[in-house]
C-alpha atoms as a PDB file:
ATOM      1  CA  UNK A   1     -25.360   4.661  -8.370  1.00  0.00           C
ATOM      2  CA  UNK A   2     -23.851   2.728  -5.475  1.00  0.00           C
ATOM      3  CA  UNK A   3     -22.135  -0.572  -6.192  1.00  0.00           C
ATOM      4  CA  UNK A   4     -23.745  -3.758  -4.913  1.00  0.00           C
ATOM      5  CA  UNK A   5     -21.104  -4.423  -2.259  1.00  0.00           C
ATOM      6  CA  UNK A   6     -21.900  -1.048  -0.698  1.00  0.00           C
ATOM      7  CA  UNK A   7     -25.611  -1.863  -0.989  1.00  0.00           C
ATOM      8  CA  UNK A   8     -25.137  -5.111   0.949  1.00  0.00           C
ATOM      9  CA  UNK A   9     -22.970  -3.575   3.664  1.00  0.00           C
ATOM     10  CA  UNK A  10     -25.265  -0.587   4.172  1.00  0.00           C
ATOM     11  CA  UNK A  11     -28.568  -2.493   4.062  1.00  0.00           C
ATOM     12  CA  UNK A  12     -30.505  -2.483   7.315  1.00  0.00           C
ATOM     13  CA  UNK A  13     -31.699  -5.956   8.178  1.00  0.00           C
ATOM     14  CA  UNK A  14     -33.786  -7.877   8.084  1.00  0.00           C
ATOM     15  CA  UNK A  15     -33.638  -7.566   4.322  1.00  0.00           C
ATOM     16  CA  UNK A  16     -33.431  -9.608   1.119  1.00  0.00           C
ATOM     17  CA  UNK A  17     -31.101  -8.608  -1.705  1.00  0.00           C
ATOM     18  CA  UNK A  18     -31.467 -10.006  -5.235  1.00  0.00           C
ATOM     19  CA  UNK A  19     -28.317 -11.186  -7.004  1.00  0.00           C
ATOM     20  CA  UNK A  20     -29.880 -12.643 -10.162  1.00  0.00           C
ATOM     21  CA  UNK A  21     -31.007 -16.074 -11.406  1.00  0.00           C
ATOM     22  CA  UNK A  22     -31.969 -17.858  -8.142  1.00  0.00           C
ATOM     23  CA  UNK A  23     -29.419 -16.025  -6.011  1.00  0.00           C
ATOM     24  CA  UNK A  24     -30.444 -14.080  -2.908  1.00  0.00           C
ATOM     25  CA  UNK A  25     -28.748 -12.665   0.153  1.00  0.00           C
ATOM     26  CA  UNK A  26     -30.600 -12.424   3.461  1.00  0.00           C
ATOM     27  CA  UNK A  27     -29.264  -9.942   6.001  1.00  0.00           C
ATOM     28  CA  UNK A  28     -30.231  -9.980   9.667  1.00  0.00           C
ATOM     29  CA  UNK A  29     -30.778  -6.985  11.921  1.00  0.00           C
ATOM     30  CA  UNK A  30     -27.367  -7.689  13.473  1.00  0.00           C
ATOM     31  CA  UNK A  31     -25.694  -7.634  10.065  1.00  0.00           C
ATOM     32  CA  UNK A  32     -25.156 -11.365   9.580  1.00  0.00           C
ATOM     33  CA  UNK A  33     -25.344 -12.566   5.976  1.00  0.00           C
ATOM     34  CA  UNK A  34     -26.810 -15.736   4.481  1.00  0.00           C
ATOM     35  CA  UNK A  35     -26.484 -16.443   0.754  1.00  0.00           C
ATOM     36  CA  UNK A  36     -28.585 -18.852  -1.308  1.00  0.00           C
ATOM     37  CA  UNK A  37     -27.589 -20.148  -4.760  1.00  0.00           C
ATOM     38  CA  UNK A  38     -25.283 -17.315  -5.775  1.00  0.00           C
ATOM     39  CA  UNK A  39     -24.222 -17.474  -9.420  1.00  0.00           C
ATOM     40  CA  UNK A  40     -21.422 -14.948  -9.821  1.00  0.00           C
ATOM     41  CA  UNK A  41     -19.248 -16.349 -12.626  1.00  0.00           C
ATOM     42  CA  UNK A  42     -19.533 -17.613 -16.199  1.00  0.00           C
ATOM     43  CA  UNK A  43     -18.885 -21.256 -15.329  1.00  0.00           C
ATOM     44  CA  UNK A  44     -22.136 -22.607 -16.811  1.00  0.00           C
ATOM     45  CA  UNK A  45     -21.316 -21.346 -20.305  1.00  0.00           C
ATOM     46  CA  UNK A  46     -17.701 -22.502 -19.967  1.00  0.00           C
ATOM     47  CA  UNK A  47     -18.674 -26.023 -18.935  1.00  0.00           C
ATOM     48  CA  UNK A  48     -21.750 -26.458 -21.146  1.00  0.00           C
ATOM     49  CA  UNK A  49     -20.216 -24.819 -24.213  1.00  0.00           C
ATOM     50  CA  UNK A  50     -23.687 -23.797 -25.346  1.00  0.00           C
ATOM     51  CA  UNK A  51     -24.775 -20.329 -26.437  1.00  0.00           C
ATOM     52  CA  UNK A  52     -28.052 -20.921 -24.589  1.00  0.00           C
ATOM     53  CA  UNK A  53     -26.056 -20.686 -21.360  1.00  0.00           C
ATOM     54  CA  UNK A  54     -24.349 -17.381 -22.113  1.00  0.00           C
ATOM     55  CA  UNK A  55     -24.661 -15.115 -19.097  1.00  0.00           C
ATOM     56  CA  UNK A  56     -27.111 -12.313 -19.921  1.00  0.00           C
ATOM     57  CA  UNK A  57     -27.132 -10.529 -16.552  1.00  0.00           C
ATOM     58  CA  UNK A  58     -24.077  -8.619 -15.292  1.00  0.00           C
ATOM     59  CA  UNK A  59     -21.790  -9.923 -12.576  1.00  0.00           C
ATOM     60  CA  UNK A  60     -22.599  -7.434  -9.833  1.00  0.00           C
ATOM     61  CA  UNK A  61     -20.646  -8.946  -6.944  1.00  0.00           C
ATOM     62  CA  UNK A  62     -17.038 -10.033  -6.541  1.00  0.00           C
ATOM     63  CA  UNK A  63     -17.030 -13.034  -4.152  1.00  0.00           C
ATOM     64  CA  UNK A  64     -13.908 -11.744  -2.405  1.00  0.00           C
ATOM     65  CA  UNK A  65     -15.644  -8.486  -1.431  1.00  0.00           C
ATOM     66  CA  UNK A  66     -18.107  -9.947   1.104  1.00  0.00           C
ATOM     67  CA  UNK A  67     -17.712 -12.407   3.979  1.00  0.00           C
ATOM     68  CA  UNK A  68     -20.856 -14.477   4.419  1.00  0.00           C
ATOM     69  CA  UNK A  69     -21.801 -16.267   7.610  1.00  0.00           C
ATOM     70  CA  UNK A  70     -23.730 -18.973   5.753  1.00  0.00           C
ATOM     71  CA  UNK A  71     -23.772 -20.083   2.121  1.00  0.00           C
ATOM     72  CA  UNK A  72     -26.444 -22.504   0.861  1.00  0.00           C
ATOM     73  CA  UNK A  73     -26.408 -24.414  -2.430  1.00  0.00           C
ATOM     74  CA  UNK A  74     -29.747 -26.135  -2.970  1.00  0.00           C
ATOM     75  CA  UNK A  75     -28.429 -28.608  -5.558  1.00  0.00           C
ATOM     76  CA  UNK A  76     -25.341 -29.281  -7.705  1.00  0.00           C
ATOM     77  CA  UNK A  77     -26.379 -27.569 -10.959  1.00  0.00           C
ATOM     78  CA  UNK A  78     -23.695 -24.997 -11.654  1.00  0.00           C
ATOM     79  CA  UNK A  79     -25.967 -21.959 -11.593  1.00  0.00           C
ATOM     80  CA  UNK A  80     -26.722 -22.920  -7.984  1.00  0.00           C
ATOM     81  CA  UNK A  81     -23.360 -24.382  -6.965  1.00  0.00           C
ATOM     82  CA  UNK A  82     -20.965 -22.027  -8.738  1.00  0.00           C
ATOM     83  CA  UNK A  83     -17.746 -24.032  -8.954  1.00  0.00           C
ATOM     84  CA  UNK A  84     -15.691 -20.903  -9.702  1.00  0.00           C
ATOM     85  CA  UNK A  85     -17.034 -19.051  -6.677  1.00  0.00           C
ATOM     86  CA  UNK A  86     -17.928 -21.406  -3.807  1.00  0.00           C
ATOM     87  CA  UNK A  87     -14.275 -22.179  -2.894  1.00  0.00           C
ATOM     88  CA  UNK A  88     -13.530 -18.450  -2.751  1.00  0.00           C
ATOM     89  CA  UNK A  89     -16.565 -17.826  -0.549  1.00  0.00           C
ATOM     90  CA  UNK A  90     -15.215 -20.415   1.909  1.00  0.00           C
ATOM     91  CA  UNK A  91     -11.611 -19.251   1.794  1.00  0.00           C
ATOM     92  CA  UNK A  92     -11.975 -16.928   4.802  1.00  0.00           C
ATOM     93  CA  UNK A  93     -12.124 -19.992   7.046  1.00  0.00           C
ATOM     94  CA  UNK A  94     -15.329 -19.014   8.846  1.00  0.00           C
ATOM     95  CA  UNK A  95     -18.132 -19.181   6.252  1.00  0.00           C
ATOM     96  CA  UNK A  96     -20.232 -22.329   6.580  1.00  0.00           C
ATOM     97  CA  UNK A  97     -21.529 -24.133   3.505  1.00  0.00           C
ATOM     98  CA  UNK A  98     -24.754 -26.139   3.536  1.00  0.00           C
ATOM     99  CA  UNK A  99     -25.443 -28.030   0.324  1.00  0.00           C
ATOM    100  CA  UNK A 100     -27.737 -30.828  -0.797  1.00  0.00           C
ATOM    101  CA  UNK A 101     -26.471 -34.399  -0.399  1.00  0.00           C
ATOM    102  CA  UNK A 102     -26.005 -34.797  -4.152  1.00  0.00           C
ATOM    103  CA  UNK A 103     -23.423 -31.989  -4.095  1.00  0.00           C
ATOM    104  CA  UNK A 104     -20.948 -34.359  -2.441  1.00  0.00           C
ATOM    105  CA  UNK A 105     -19.728 -35.767  -5.753  1.00  0.00           C
ATOM    106  CA  UNK A 106     -19.048 -32.258  -7.036  1.00  0.00           C
ATOM    107  CA  UNK A 107     -17.242 -31.297  -3.828  1.00  0.00           C
ATOM    108  CA  UNK A 108     -15.105 -34.443  -4.132  1.00  0.00           C
ATOM    109  CA  UNK A 109     -14.260 -33.706  -7.769  1.00  0.00           C
ATOM    110  CA  UNK A 110     -13.092 -30.243  -6.741  1.00  0.00           C
ATOM    111  CA  UNK A 111     -11.196 -31.729  -3.753  1.00  0.00           C
ATOM    112  CA  UNK A 112     -12.881 -29.158  -1.560  1.00  0.00           C
ATOM    113  CA  UNK A 113     -13.243 -31.552   1.360  1.00  0.00           C
ATOM    114  CA  UNK A 114      -9.477 -31.389   1.857  1.00  0.00           C
ATOM    115  CA  UNK A 115      -9.422 -27.588   2.001  1.00  0.00           C
ATOM    116  CA  UNK A 116     -12.617 -26.767   3.879  1.00  0.00           C
ATOM    117  CA  UNK A 117     -14.005 -28.401   7.002  1.00  0.00           C
ATOM    118  CA  UNK A 118     -17.140 -26.253   7.170  1.00  0.00           C
ATOM    119  CA  UNK A 119     -19.220 -28.232   4.626  1.00  0.00           C
ATOM    120  CA  UNK A 120     -22.474 -29.842   5.721  1.00  0.00           C
ATOM    121  CA  UNK A 121     -24.609 -32.010   3.421  1.00  0.00           C
ATOM    122  CA  UNK A 122     -28.327 -31.648   4.002  1.00  0.00           C
ATOM    123  CA  UNK A 123     -31.575 -33.331   3.046  1.00  0.00           C
ATOM    124  CA  UNK A 124     -35.258 -32.523   3.388  1.00  0.00           C
ATOM    125  CA  UNK A 125     -36.207 -32.393   7.072  1.00  0.00           C
ATOM    126  CA  UNK A 126     -32.827 -31.207   8.327  1.00  0.00           C
ATOM    127  CA  UNK A 127     -32.777 -28.187  10.615  1.00  0.00           C
ATOM    128  CA  UNK A 128     -30.053 -26.008  12.090  1.00  0.00           C
ATOM    129  CA  UNK A 129     -29.524 -22.667  13.768  1.00  0.00           C
ATOM    130  CA  UNK A 130     -26.566 -20.598  12.623  1.00  0.00           C
ATOM    131  CA  UNK A 131     -26.247 -17.266  14.382  1.00  0.00           C
ATOM    132  CA  UNK A 132     -29.312 -15.179  13.624  1.00  0.00           C
ATOM    133  CA  UNK A 133     -30.667 -17.704  11.120  1.00  0.00           C
ATOM    134  CA  UNK A 134     -33.032 -20.585  11.855  1.00  0.00           C
ATOM    135  CA  UNK A 135     -32.750 -22.780   8.761  1.00  0.00           C
ATOM    136  CA  UNK A 136     -34.958 -25.678   7.691  1.00  0.00           C
ATOM    137  CA  UNK A 137     -34.408 -27.688   4.525  1.00  0.00           C
ATOM    138  CA  UNK A 138     -37.600 -28.863   2.857  1.00  0.00           C
ATOM    139  CA  UNK A 139     -38.777 -31.052   0.000  1.00  0.00           C
ATOM    140  CA  UNK A 140     -37.982 -30.136  -3.572  1.00  0.00           C
ATOM    141  CA  UNK A 141     -38.760 -32.059  -6.760  1.00  0.00           C
ATOM    142  CA  UNK A 142     -36.192 -31.188  -9.405  1.00  0.00           C
ATOM    143  CA  UNK A 143     -36.340 -34.571 -11.104  1.00  0.00           C
ATOM    144  CA  UNK A 144     -33.766 -37.308 -11.603  1.00  0.00           C
ATOM    145  CA  UNK A 145     -30.982 -34.862 -12.463  1.00  0.00           C
ATOM    146  CA  UNK A 146     -30.893 -33.534  -8.904  1.00  0.00           C
ATOM    147  CA  UNK A 147     -32.729 -36.073  -6.752  1.00  0.00           C
ATOM    148  CA  UNK A 148     -31.594 -34.602  -3.433  1.00  0.00           C
ATOM    149  CA  UNK A 149     -32.346 -30.951  -4.252  1.00  0.00           C
ATOM    150  CA  UNK A 150     -33.827 -28.993  -1.362  1.00  0.00           C
ATOM    151  CA  UNK A 151     -35.827 -25.878  -0.730  1.00  0.00           C
ATOM    152  CA  UNK A 152     -34.931 -23.595   2.178  1.00  0.00           C
ATOM    153  CA  UNK A 153     -37.010 -21.948   4.898  1.00  0.00           C
ATOM    154  CA  UNK A 154     -35.112 -19.222   6.719  1.00  0.00           C
ATOM    155  CA  UNK A 155     -36.443 -17.545   9.854  1.00  0.00           C
ATOM    156  CA  UNK A 156     -34.690 -14.349  10.857  1.00  0.00           C
ATOM    157  CA  UNK A 157     -35.736 -11.510  13.160  1.00  0.00           C
ATOM    158  CA  UNK A 158     -39.302 -12.787  13.341  1.00  0.00           C
ATOM    159  CA  UNK A 159     -39.674 -13.107   9.538  1.00  0.00           C
ATOM    160  CA  UNK A 160     -40.016 -16.322   7.513  1.00  0.00           C
ATOM    161  CA  UNK A 161     -38.678 -16.653   3.969  1.00  0.00           C
ATOM    162  CA  UNK A 162     -39.241 -19.733   1.827  1.00  0.00           C
ATOM    163  CA  UNK A 163     -36.885 -20.146  -1.137  1.00  0.00           C
ATOM    164  CA  UNK A 164     -38.507 -23.030  -3.027  1.00  0.00           C
ATOM    165  CA  UNK A 165     -35.392 -24.013  -4.963  1.00  0.00           C
ATOM    166  CA  UNK A 166     -35.642 -25.578  -8.404  1.00  0.00           C
ATOM    167  CA  UNK A 167     -38.840 -27.591  -8.255  1.00  0.00           C
ATOM    168  CA  UNK A 168     -41.992 -28.562 -10.069  1.00  0.00           C
ATOM    169  CA  UNK A 169     -45.397 -27.965  -8.521  1.00  0.00           C
ATOM    170  CA  UNK A 170     -46.057 -30.517  -5.774  1.00  0.00           C
ATOM    171  CA  UNK A 171     -49.203 -29.492  -3.948  1.00  0.00           C
ATOM    172  CA  UNK A 172     -49.280 -32.959  -2.371  1.00  0.00           C
ATOM    173  CA  UNK A 173     -46.268 -31.920  -0.309  1.00  0.00           C
ATOM    174  CA  UNK A 174     -47.414 -28.449   0.615  1.00  0.00           C
ATOM    175  CA  UNK A 175     -48.178 -29.449   4.204  1.00  0.00           C
ATOM    176  CA  UNK A 176     -44.411 -29.822   4.729  1.00  0.00           C
ATOM    177  CA  UNK A 177     -43.963 -26.087   4.186  1.00  0.00           C
ATOM    178  CA  UNK A 178     -44.495 -23.792   7.205  1.00  0.00           C
ATOM    179  CA  UNK A 179     -47.568 -21.583   7.174  1.00  0.00           C
ATOM    180  CA  UNK A 180     -47.573 -17.821   7.747  1.00  0.00           C
ATOM    181  CA  UNK A 181     -44.798 -17.107   5.256  1.00  0.00           C
ATOM    182  CA  UNK A 182     -43.677 -13.520   4.900  1.00  0.00           C
ATOM    183  CA  UNK A 183     -41.920 -14.175   1.582  1.00  0.00           C
ATOM    184  CA  UNK A 184     -42.086 -16.891  -1.072  1.00  0.00           C
ATOM    185  CA  UNK A 185     -39.267 -16.981  -3.634  1.00  0.00           C
ATOM    186  CA  UNK A 186     -39.892 -19.431  -6.477  1.00  0.00           C
ATOM    187  CA  UNK A 187     -38.889 -20.051 -10.110  1.00  0.00           C
ATOM    188  CA  UNK A 188     -41.069 -19.131 -13.077  1.00  0.00           C
ATOM    189  CA  UNK A 189     -38.964 -20.405 -15.977  1.00  0.00           C
ATOM    190  CA  UNK A 190     -40.826 -23.686 -16.558  1.00  0.00           C
ATOM    191  CA  UNK A 191     -37.760 -25.405 -18.054  1.00  0.00           C
ATOM    192  CA  UNK A 192     -35.830 -28.370 -16.625  1.00  0.00           C
ATOM    193  CA  UNK A 193     -38.795 -29.399 -14.501  1.00  0.00           C
ATOM    194  CA  UNK A 194     -39.227 -26.054 -12.751  1.00  0.00           C
ATOM    195  CA  UNK A 195     -42.382 -24.163 -11.906  1.00  0.00           C
ATOM    196  CA  UNK A 196     -43.627 -21.967 -14.722  1.00  0.00           C
ATOM    197  CA  UNK A 197     -45.441 -18.651 -14.357  1.00  0.00           C
ATOM    198  CA  UNK A 198     -48.832 -20.283 -13.762  1.00  0.00           C
ATOM    199  CA  UNK A 199     -47.385 -22.873 -11.359  1.00  0.00           C
ATOM    200  CA  UNK A 200     -45.747 -20.192  -9.249  1.00  0.00           C
ATOM    201  CA  UNK A 201     -49.065 -18.352  -8.983  1.00  0.00           C
ATOM    202  CA  UNK A 202     -50.823 -21.580  -7.931  1.00  0.00           C
ATOM    203  CA  UNK A 203     -48.163 -22.163  -5.279  1.00  0.00           C
ATOM    204  CA  UNK A 204     -48.663 -18.608  -4.028  1.00  0.00           C
ATOM    205  CA  UNK A 205     -52.444 -19.126  -3.922  1.00  0.00           C
ATOM    206  CA  UNK A 206     -51.973 -22.169  -1.722  1.00  0.00           C
ATOM    207  CA  UNK A 207     -49.221 -20.884   0.577  1.00  0.00           C
ATOM    208  CA  UNK A 208     -50.620 -17.339   0.859  1.00  0.00           C
ATOM    209  CA  UNK A 209     -47.304 -15.604   1.605  1.00  0.00           C
ATOM    210  CA  UNK A 210     -47.143 -11.925   2.434  1.00  0.00           C
ATOM    211  CA  UNK A 211     -45.416 -11.436  -0.910  1.00  0.00           C
ATOM    212  CA  UNK A 212     -44.138 -13.620  -3.772  1.00  0.00           C
ATOM    213  CA  UNK A 213     -40.831 -12.907  -5.512  1.00  0.00           C
ATOM    214  CA  UNK A 214     -40.282 -14.742  -8.823  1.00  0.00           C
ATOM    215  CA  UNK A 215     -36.800 -15.947  -9.780  1.00  0.00           C
ATOM    216  CA  UNK A 216     -34.926 -18.032 -12.344  1.00  0.00           C
ATOM    217  CA  UNK A 217     -35.418 -15.800 -15.383  1.00  0.00           C
ATOM    218  CA  UNK A 218     -33.241 -13.428 -17.363  1.00  0.00           C
ATOM    219  CA  UNK A 219     -29.858 -15.132 -16.879  1.00  0.00           C
ATOM    220  CA  UNK A 220     -29.836 -17.699 -19.712  1.00  0.00           C
ATOM    221  CA  UNK A 221     -31.813 -17.762 -22.956  1.00  0.00           C
ATOM    222  CA  UNK A 222     -32.286 -21.525 -22.679  1.00  0.00           C
ATOM    223  CA  UNK A 223     -33.940 -21.218 -19.250  1.00  0.00           C
ATOM    224  CA  UNK A 224     -36.874 -19.098 -20.464  1.00  0.00           C
ATOM    225  CA  UNK A 225     -39.222 -17.439 -17.953  1.00  0.00           C
ATOM    226  CA  UNK A 226     -41.631 -14.656 -18.890  1.00  0.00           C
ATOM    227  CA  UNK A 227     -41.792 -12.089 -16.104  1.00  0.00           C
ATOM    228  CA  UNK A 228     -44.413 -10.118 -18.010  1.00  0.00           C
ATOM    229  CA  UNK A 229     -46.703 -13.151 -18.096  1.00  0.00           C
ATOM    230  CA  UNK A 230     -46.136 -13.681 -14.381  1.00  0.00           C
ATOM    231  CA  UNK A 231     -47.001 -10.027 -13.764  1.00  0.00           C
ATOM    232  CA  UNK A 232     -50.282 -10.416 -15.653  1.00  0.00           C
ATOM    233  CA  UNK A 233     -51.263 -13.642 -13.874  1.00  0.00           C
ATOM    234  CA  UNK A 234     -50.552 -12.349 -10.384  1.00  0.00           C
ATOM    235  CA  UNK A 235     -52.273  -9.049 -11.136  1.00  0.00           C
ATOM    236  CA  UNK A 236     -55.370 -10.826 -12.429  1.00  0.00           C
ATOM    237  CA  UNK A 237     -55.460 -13.094  -9.373  1.00  0.00           C
ATOM    238  CA  UNK A 238     -54.885 -10.102  -7.077  1.00  0.00           C
ATOM    239  CA  UNK A 239     -51.977 -11.833  -5.376  1.00  0.00           C
ATOM    240  CA  UNK A 240     -49.222  -9.695  -3.771  1.00  0.00           C
ATOM    241  CA  UNK A 241     -45.877  -9.930  -5.562  1.00  0.00           C
ATOM    242  CA  UNK A 242     -42.612  -8.095  -6.070  1.00  0.00           C
ATOM    243  CA  UNK A 243     -40.419  -8.078  -9.169  1.00  0.00           C
ATOM    244  CA  UNK A 244     -36.899  -7.464  -7.916  1.00  0.00           C
ATOM    245  CA  UNK A 245     -34.314  -5.999 -10.212  1.00  0.00           C
ATOM    246  CA  UNK A 246     -30.782  -7.325  -9.856  1.00  0.00           C
ATOM    247  CA  UNK A 247     -29.099  -5.570  -6.952  1.00  0.00           C
ATOM    248  CA  UNK A 248     -32.360  -4.430  -5.365  1.00  0.00           C
ATOM    249  CA  UNK A 249     -33.091  -4.906  -1.684  1.00  0.00           C
ATOM    250  CA  UNK A 250     -36.426  -5.626  -0.004  1.00  0.00           C
ATOM    251  CA  UNK A 251     -36.877  -4.579   3.599  1.00  0.00           C
ATOM    252  CA  UNK A 252     -38.645  -7.276   5.590  1.00  0.00           C
END
C-alpha cells in the first residue's frame, strides 16, 4: 500500500483527498495544493487532557513532507487550527495561510505573526484568487465559542467544492451559498453545535450537490458521529454521497 505522501504527489487533479476529521486536500490539474483544517498531531488531547479527545485515527501525513500553496483554518478550535502543525506548514516561506478572524488571538499567543508574513484573516463574504484556486469564505454558525468561523467554497478547474466548516443547520442563510455545487463536505457529528446526520442530509437536499461527503467523525470519541446512520438516511432519501476512508482520493 502506498503511503499518503505518495498518494498526494501522484494524484491527478482536480481531486480531493481525505485526511481525517474535517481535513481535506484539494489538488488542481496543475498540481497546486490547498489544505483545509488539517489535524495531523495529538495537540487536542495534550491541551484538553481528556480521554474523550484521544486521537483514534492514525497520523497519515508528516507536515514536513508536503509543501502546500494554500492552507485554510476555518476557526481556532485545535482540530481545525493544529497548533503543532500550522507553523511547520508555513515554514517553507511560500505557503499562504487564510484563517478566520477569531484565529488572531491564537496566532498572537503562538507569536506566529513575527515569524510568518503570509497570514490573512478572513470573514464571511471575503474572496480571493490564489493560483489555480478561486476561494470564497461563507457564513458558518458554530456558536459563541467560534463566532467568526467560516465555511469555504473553492472553485478549481471548473469544479466547485463547498466545505461547510463546523456549523449548525441554517437554511435561512442557504442563499449565500453558490448553486451548482459539485461537492458538499459537511459534518455529521451533531456535537458542539454541528450538523448531525439528519441535518447534513437536509442540507444536501436543499443544496443538491453532485455528491455529499460527510466529515467530523471517527477522530474523537467525544465528538460522536454515526456514519452508518448517515448512510441509511442518504440511501433512503436517494441522495448521492461518498464515504471517504482516510487517505482516499476522489477524482473531480
